[in-house]
Amino acid sequence: MGDLIRKISAKSKAFHVIESCTSGDHFSGAERYVELYNKEFEDFLGYNELKRELQRVRIESLTPSR
């Protein structure tokens, strides 16, 4: 049960890290965090969900606001 709580907490933190990205360095750090998450928990679905979110936020940051 403790492992599940650690996994949920790490995934939640990864989403917060991704949402806070504003520069290339931030995105690089978020990518490393997502890779570490995958290495630690071997959660294929969660890993892909985090990668999609990272891609979405990166694209949004490049889109000019109107």
PDB file of N, CA and C in Angstrom:
ATOM      1  N   MET A   1       0.830  -1.192   0.000  1.00  0.00           N
ATOM      2  CA  MET A   1       0.000   0.000   0.000  1.00  0.00           C
ATOM      3  C   MET A   1       0.876   1.259   0.000  1.00  0.00           C
ATOM      4  N   GLY A   2       1.982   1.225   0.750  1.00  0.00           N
ATOM      5  CA  GLY A   2       2.862   2.376   0.813  1.00  0.00           C
ATOM      6  C   GLY A   2       3.472   2.702  -0.537  1.00  0.00           C
ATOM      7  N   ASP A   3       3.735   1.651  -1.337  1.00  0.00           N
ATOM      8  CA  ASP A   3       4.300   1.859  -2.668  1.00  0.00           C
ATOM      9  C   ASP A   3       3.299   2.567  -3.578  1.00  0.00           C
ATOM     10  N   LEU A   4       2.034   2.215  -3.455  1.00  0.00           N
ATOM     11  CA  LEU A   4       0.992   2.858  -4.252  1.00  0.00           C
ATOM     12  C   LEU A   4       0.874   4.342  -3.900  1.00  0.00           C
ATOM     13  N   ILE A   5       0.968   4.658  -2.634  1.00  0.00           N
ATOM     14  CA  ILE A   5       0.897   6.060  -2.194  1.00  0.00           C
ATOM     15  C   ILE A   5       2.099   6.839  -2.714  1.00  0.00           C
ATOM     16  N   ARG A   6       3.289   6.233  -2.675  1.00  0.00           N
ATOM     17  CA  ARG A   6       4.491   6.889  -3.228  1.00  0.00           C
ATOM     18  C   ARG A   6       4.330   7.151  -4.724  1.00  0.00           C
ATOM     19  N   LYS A   7       3.757   6.174  -5.425  1.00  0.00           N
ATOM     20  CA  LYS A   7       3.561   6.293  -6.872  1.00  0.00           C
ATOM     21  C   LYS A   7       2.582   7.418  -7.195  1.00  0.00           C
ATOM     22  N   ILE A   8       1.473   7.468  -6.494  1.00  0.00           N
ATOM     23  CA  ILE A   8       0.474   8.512  -6.712  1.00  0.00           C
ATOM     24  C   ILE A   8       1.057   9.880  -6.391  1.00  0.00           C
ATOM     25  N   SER A   9       1.801   9.969  -5.313  1.00  0.00           N
ATOM     26  CA  SER A   9       2.425  11.232  -4.925  1.00  0.00           C
ATOM     27  C   SER A   9       3.444  11.688  -5.971  1.00  0.00           C
ATOM     28  N   ALA A  10       4.261  10.763  -6.454  1.00  0.00           N
ATOM     29  CA  ALA A  10       5.272  11.104  -7.469  1.00  0.00           C
ATOM     30  C   ALA A  10       4.617  11.531  -8.771  1.00  0.00           C
ATOM     31  N   LYS A  11       3.542  10.875  -9.146  1.00  0.00           N
ATOM     32  CA  LYS A  11       2.835  11.234 -10.385  1.00  0.00           C
ATOM     33  C   LYS A  11       2.189  12.601 -10.256  1.00  0.00           C
ATOM     34  N   SER A  12       1.607  12.877  -9.114  1.00  0.00           N
ATOM     35  CA  SER A  12       1.012  14.191  -8.867  1.00  0.00           C
ATOM     36  C   SER A  12       2.077  15.285  -8.929  1.00  0.00           C
ATOM     37  N   LYS A  13       3.221  15.018  -8.314  1.00  0.00           N
ATOM     38  CA  LYS A  13       4.316  15.984  -8.345  1.00  0.00           C
ATOM     39  C   LYS A  13       4.796  16.199  -9.782  1.00  0.00           C
ATOM     40  N   ALA A  14       4.849  15.134 -10.569  1.00  0.00           N
ATOM     41  CA  ALA A  14       5.268  15.255 -11.969  1.00  0.00           C
ATOM     42  C   ALA A  14       4.320  16.178 -12.734  1.00  0.00           C
ATOM     43  N   PHE A  15       3.019  16.049 -12.509  1.00  0.00           N
ATOM     44  CA  PHE A  15       2.058  16.940 -13.165  1.00  0.00           C
ATOM     45  C   PHE A  15       2.296  18.390 -12.750  1.00  0.00           C
ATOM     46  N   HIS A  16       2.576  18.621 -11.478  1.00  0.00           N
ATOM     47  CA  HIS A  16       2.850  19.982 -11.006  1.00  0.00           C
ATOM     48  C   HIS A  16       4.130  20.534 -11.629  1.00  0.00           C
ATOM     49  N   VAL A  17       5.145  19.698 -11.725  1.00  0.00           N
ATOM     50  CA  VAL A  17       6.407  20.115 -12.348  1.00  0.00           C
ATOM     51  C   VAL A  17       6.157  20.486 -13.811  1.00  0.00           C
ATOM     52  N   ILE A  18       5.424  19.657 -14.512  1.00  0.00           N
ATOM     53  CA  ILE A  18       5.136  19.911 -15.928  1.00  0.00           C
ATOM     54  C   ILE A  18       4.355  21.209 -16.103  1.00  0.00           C
ATOM     55  N   GLU A  19       3.341  21.408 -15.277  1.00  0.00           N
ATOM     56  CA  GLU A  19       2.514  22.612 -15.393  1.00  0.00           C
ATOM     57  C   GLU A  19       3.293  23.887 -15.090  1.00  0.00           C
ATOM     58  N   SER A  20       4.363  23.790 -14.327  1.00  0.00           N
ATOM     59  CA  SER A  20       5.127  24.983 -13.959  1.00  0.00           C
ATOM     60  C   SER A  20       6.217  25.339 -14.973  1.00  0.00           C
ATOM     61  N   CYS A  21       6.382  24.530 -16.012  1.00  0.00           N
ATOM     62  CA  CYS A  21       7.442  24.773 -16.999  1.00  0.00           C
ATOM     63  C   CYS A  21       7.194  26.059 -17.795  1.00  0.00           C
ATOM     64  N   THR A  22       8.261  26.868 -17.921  1.00  0.00           N
ATOM     65  CA  THR A  22       8.161  28.103 -18.702  1.00  0.00           C
ATOM     66  C   THR A  22       9.343  28.298 -19.637  1.00  0.00           C
ATOM     67  N   SER A  23      10.381  27.468 -19.522  1.00  0.00           N
ATOM     68  CA  SER A  23      11.553  27.634 -20.387  1.00  0.00           C
ATOM     69  C   SER A  23      12.073  26.264 -20.808  1.00  0.00           C
ATOM     70  N   GLY A  24      13.017  26.283 -21.739  1.00  0.00           N
ATOM     71  CA  GLY A  24      13.604  25.039 -22.215  1.00  0.00           C
ATOM     72  C   GLY A  24      14.258  24.235 -21.108  1.00  0.00           C
ATOM     73  N   ASP A  25      14.928  24.930 -20.195  1.00  0.00           N
ATOM     74  CA  ASP A  25      15.560  24.240 -19.068  1.00  0.00           C
ATOM     75  C   ASP A  25      14.525  23.567 -18.176  1.00  0.00           C
ATOM     76  N   HIS A  26      13.406  24.229 -17.983  1.00  0.00           N
ATOM     77  CA  HIS A  26      12.342  23.644 -17.164  1.00  0.00           C
ATOM     78  C   HIS A  26      11.823  22.370 -17.816  1.00  0.00           C
ATOM     79  N   PHE A  27      11.608  22.429 -19.145  1.00  0.00           N
ATOM     80  CA  PHE A  27      11.111  21.246 -19.842  1.00  0.00           C
ATOM     81  C   PHE A  27      12.121  20.101 -19.782  1.00  0.00           C
ATOM     82  N   SER A  28      13.402  20.414 -19.867  1.00  0.00           N
ATOM     83  CA  SER A  28      14.434  19.374 -19.758  1.00  0.00           C
ATOM     84  C   SER A  28      14.390  18.722 -18.379  1.00  0.00           C
ATOM     85  N   GLY A  29      14.235  19.530 -17.353  1.00  0.00           N
ATOM     86  CA  GLY A  29      14.124  19.004 -15.995  1.00  0.00           C
ATOM     87  C   GLY A  29      12.884  18.146 -15.821  1.00  0.00           C
ATOM     88  N   ALA A  30      11.776  18.591 -16.402  1.00  0.00           N
ATOM     89  CA  ALA A  30      10.532  17.823 -16.312  1.00  0.00           C
ATOM     90  C   ALA A  30      10.684  16.489 -17.041  1.00  0.00           C
ATOM     91  N   GLU A  31      11.353  16.487 -18.188  1.00  0.00           N
ATOM     92  CA  GLU A  31      11.590  15.239 -18.912  1.00  0.00           C
ATOM     93  C   GLU A  31      12.409  14.269 -18.059  1.00  0.00           C
ATOM     94  N   ARG A  32      13.432  14.784 -17.390  1.00  0.00           N
ATOM     95  CA  ARG A  32      14.249  13.927 -16.516  1.00  0.00           C
ATOM     96  C   ARG A  32      13.404  13.367 -15.367  1.00  0.00           C
ATOM     97  N   TYR A  33      12.532  14.201 -14.810  1.00  0.00           N
ATOM     98  CA  TYR A  33      11.675  13.735 -13.714  1.00  0.00           C
ATOM     99  C   TYR A  33      10.759  12.613 -14.195  1.00  0.00           C
ATOM    100  N   VAL A  34      10.182  12.781 -15.395  1.00  0.00           N
ATOM    101  CA  VAL A  34       9.294  11.760 -15.954  1.00  0.00           C
ATOM    102  C   VAL A  34      10.069  10.461 -16.204  1.00  0.00           C
ATOM    103  N   GLU A  35      11.293  10.566 -16.699  1.00  0.00           N
ATOM    104  CA  GLU A  35      12.114   9.378 -16.921  1.00  0.00           C
ATOM    105  C   GLU A  35      12.442   8.681 -15.597  1.00  0.00           C
ATOM    106  N   LEU A  36      12.746   9.468 -14.574  1.00  0.00           N
ATOM    107  CA  LEU A  36      13.013   8.885 -13.251  1.00  0.00           C
ATOM    108  C   LEU A  36      11.765   8.220 -12.678  1.00  0.00           C
ATOM    109  N   TYR A  37      10.612   8.837 -12.906  1.00  0.00           N
ATOM    110  CA  TYR A  37       9.339   8.252 -12.472  1.00  0.00           C
ATOM    111  C   TYR A  37       9.173   6.868 -13.116  1.00  0.00           C
ATOM    112  N   ASN A  38       9.416   6.795 -14.411  1.00  0.00           N
ATOM    113  CA  ASN A  38       9.277   5.525 -15.122  1.00  0.00           C
ATOM    114  C   ASN A  38      10.272   4.486 -14.612  1.00  0.00           C
ATOM    115  N   LYS A  39      11.495   4.918 -14.386  1.00  0.00           N
ATOM    116  CA  LYS A  39      12.523   3.987 -13.903  1.00  0.00           C
ATOM    117  C   LYS A  39      12.168   3.453 -12.511  1.00  0.00           C
ATOM    118  N   GLU A  40      11.641   4.319 -11.663  1.00  0.00           N
ATOM    119  CA  GLU A  40      11.320   3.920 -10.289  1.00  0.00           C
ATOM    120  C   GLU A  40      10.088   3.019 -10.211  1.00  0.00           C
ATOM    121  N   PHE A  41       9.022   3.357 -10.967  1.00  0.00           N
ATOM    122  CA  PHE A  41       7.748   2.666 -10.795  1.00  0.00           C
ATOM    123  C   PHE A  41       7.377   1.724 -11.939  1.00  0.00           C
ATOM    124  N   GLU A  42       8.068   1.819 -13.082  1.00  0.00           N
ATOM    125  CA  GLU A  42       7.761   0.993 -14.243  1.00  0.00           C
ATOM    126  C   GLU A  42       6.264   1.015 -14.552  1.00  0.00           C
ATOM    127  N   ASP A  43       5.705   2.212 -14.579  1.00  0.00           N
ATOM    128  CA  ASP A  43       4.281   2.436 -14.820  1.00  0.00           C
ATOM    129  C   ASP A  43       4.112   2.935 -16.249  1.00  0.00           C
ATOM    130  N   PHE A  44       3.917   2.004 -17.181  1.00  0.00           N
ATOM    131  CA  PHE A  44       3.862   2.345 -18.597  1.00  0.00           C
ATOM    132  C   PHE A  44       2.735   3.322 -18.907  1.00  0.00           C
ATOM    133  N   LEU A  45       1.552   3.083 -18.373  1.00  0.00           N
ATOM    134  CA  LEU A  45       0.418   3.970 -18.646  1.00  0.00           C
ATOM    135  C   LEU A  45       0.642   5.362 -18.054  1.00  0.00           C
ATOM    136  N   GLY A  46       1.096   5.412 -16.812  1.00  0.00           N
ATOM    137  CA  GLY A  46       1.364   6.696 -16.175  1.00  0.00           C
ATOM    138  C   GLY A  46       2.475   7.451 -16.877  1.00  0.00           C
ATOM    139  N   TYR A  47       3.500   6.731 -17.299  1.00  0.00           N
ATOM    140  CA  TYR A  47       4.619   7.333 -18.022  1.00  0.00           C
ATOM    141  C   TYR A  47       4.141   7.984 -19.318  1.00  0.00           C
ATOM    142  N   ASN A  48       3.335   7.263 -20.075  1.00  0.00           N
ATOM    143  CA  ASN A  48       2.822   7.813 -21.331  1.00  0.00           C
ATOM    144  C   ASN A  48       1.870   8.979 -21.101  1.00  0.00           C
ATOM    145  N   GLU A  49       1.093   8.919 -20.048  1.00  0.00           N
ATOM    146  CA  GLU A  49       0.211  10.036 -19.693  1.00  0.00           C
ATOM    147  C   GLU A  49       1.040  11.287 -19.377  1.00  0.00           C
ATOM    148  N   LEU A  50       2.118  11.113 -18.632  1.00  0.00           N
ATOM    149  CA  LEU A  50       2.989  12.238 -18.295  1.00  0.00           C
ATOM    150  C   LEU A  50       3.705  12.776 -19.533  1.00  0.00           C
ATOM    151  N   LYS A  51       4.133  11.891 -20.423  1.00  0.00           N
ATOM    152  CA  LYS A  51       4.797  12.328 -21.658  1.00  0.00           C
ATOM    153  C   LYS A  51       3.825  13.136 -22.535  1.00  0.00           C
ATOM    154  N   ARG A  52       2.577  12.691 -22.636  1.00  0.00           N
ATOM    155  CA  ARG A  52       1.572  13.439 -23.419  1.00  0.00           C
ATOM    156  C   ARG A  52       1.316  14.805 -22.806  1.00  0.00           C
ATOM    157  N   GLU A  53       1.224  14.859 -21.487  1.00  0.00           N
ATOM    158  CA  GLU A  53       0.997  16.138 -20.806  1.00  0.00           C
ATOM    159  C   GLU A  53       2.174  17.076 -21.018  1.00  0.00           C
ATOM    160  N   LEU A  54       3.381  16.550 -20.948  1.00  0.00           N
ATOM    161  CA  LEU A  54       4.578  17.352 -21.182  1.00  0.00           C
ATOM    162  C   LEU A  54       4.559  17.913 -22.606  1.00  0.00           C
ATOM    163  N   GLN A  55       4.200  17.094 -23.561  1.00  0.00           N
ATOM    164  CA  GLN A  55       4.124  17.544 -24.949  1.00  0.00           C
ATOM    165  C   GLN A  55       3.049  18.619 -25.112  1.00  0.00           C
ATOM    166  N   ARG A  56       1.899  18.426 -24.485  1.00  0.00           N
ATOM    167  CA  ARG A  56       0.806  19.397 -24.579  1.00  0.00           C
ATOM    168  C   ARG A  56       1.226  20.745 -24.010  1.00  0.00           C
ATOM    169  N   VAL A  57       1.849  20.738 -22.847  1.00  0.00           N
ATOM    170  CA  VAL A  57       2.274  21.983 -22.200  1.00  0.00           C
ATOM    171  C   VAL A  57       3.369  22.658 -23.026  1.00  0.00           C
ATOM    172  N   ARG A  58       4.276  21.875 -23.576  1.00  0.00           N
ATOM    173  CA  ARG A  58       5.346  22.434 -24.410  1.00  0.00           C
ATOM    174  C   ARG A  58       4.753  23.122 -25.645  1.00  0.00           C
ATOM    175  N   ILE A  59       3.795  22.489 -26.292  1.00  0.00           N
ATOM    176  CA  ILE A  59       3.153  23.089 -27.470  1.00  0.00           C
ATOM    177  C   ILE A  59       2.397  24.345 -27.088  1.00  0.00           C
ATOM    178  N   GLU A  60       1.668  24.300 -25.972  1.00  0.00           N
ATOM    179  CA  GLU A  60       0.953  25.494 -25.504  1.00  0.00           C
ATOM    180  C   GLU A  60       1.898  26.646 -25.216  1.00  0.00           C
ATOM    181  N   SER A  61       3.072  26.345 -24.689  1.00  0.00           N
ATOM    182  CA  SER A  61       4.015  27.419 -24.361  1.00  0.00           C
ATOM    183  C   SER A  61       4.580  28.073 -25.614  1.00  0.00           C
ATOM    184  N   LEU A  62       4.578  27.355 -26.720  1.00  0.00           N
ATOM    185  CA  LEU A  62       5.077  27.901 -27.978  1.00  0.00           C
ATOM    186  C   LEU A  62       4.008  28.651 -28.767  1.00  0.00           C
ATOM    187  N   THR A  63       2.751  28.405 -28.442  1.00  0.00           N
ATOM    188  CA  THR A  63       1.640  29.042 -29.129  1.00  0.00           C
ATOM    189  C   THR A  63       1.473  30.462 -28.591  1.00  0.00           C
ATOM    190  N   PRO A  64       1.519  31.458 -29.493  1.00  0.00           N
ATOM    191  CA  PRO A  64       1.363  32.833 -29.015  1.00  0.00           C
ATOM    192  C   PRO A  64      -0.048  33.079 -28.460  1.00  0.00           C
ATOM    193  N   SER A  65      -0.117  33.794 -27.365  1.00  0.00           N
ATOM    194  CA  SER A  65      -1.422  34.121 -26.792  1.00  0.00           C
ATOM    195  C   SER A  65      -2.004  35.310 -27.529  1.00  0.00           C
ATOM    196  N   ARG A  66      -3.294  35.366 -27.612  1.00  0.00           N
ATOM    197  CA  ARG A  66      -3.968  36.431 -28.366  1.00  0.00           C
ATOM    198  C   ARG A  66      -4.484  37.503 -27.471  1.00  0.00           C
TER     199      ARG A  66
END
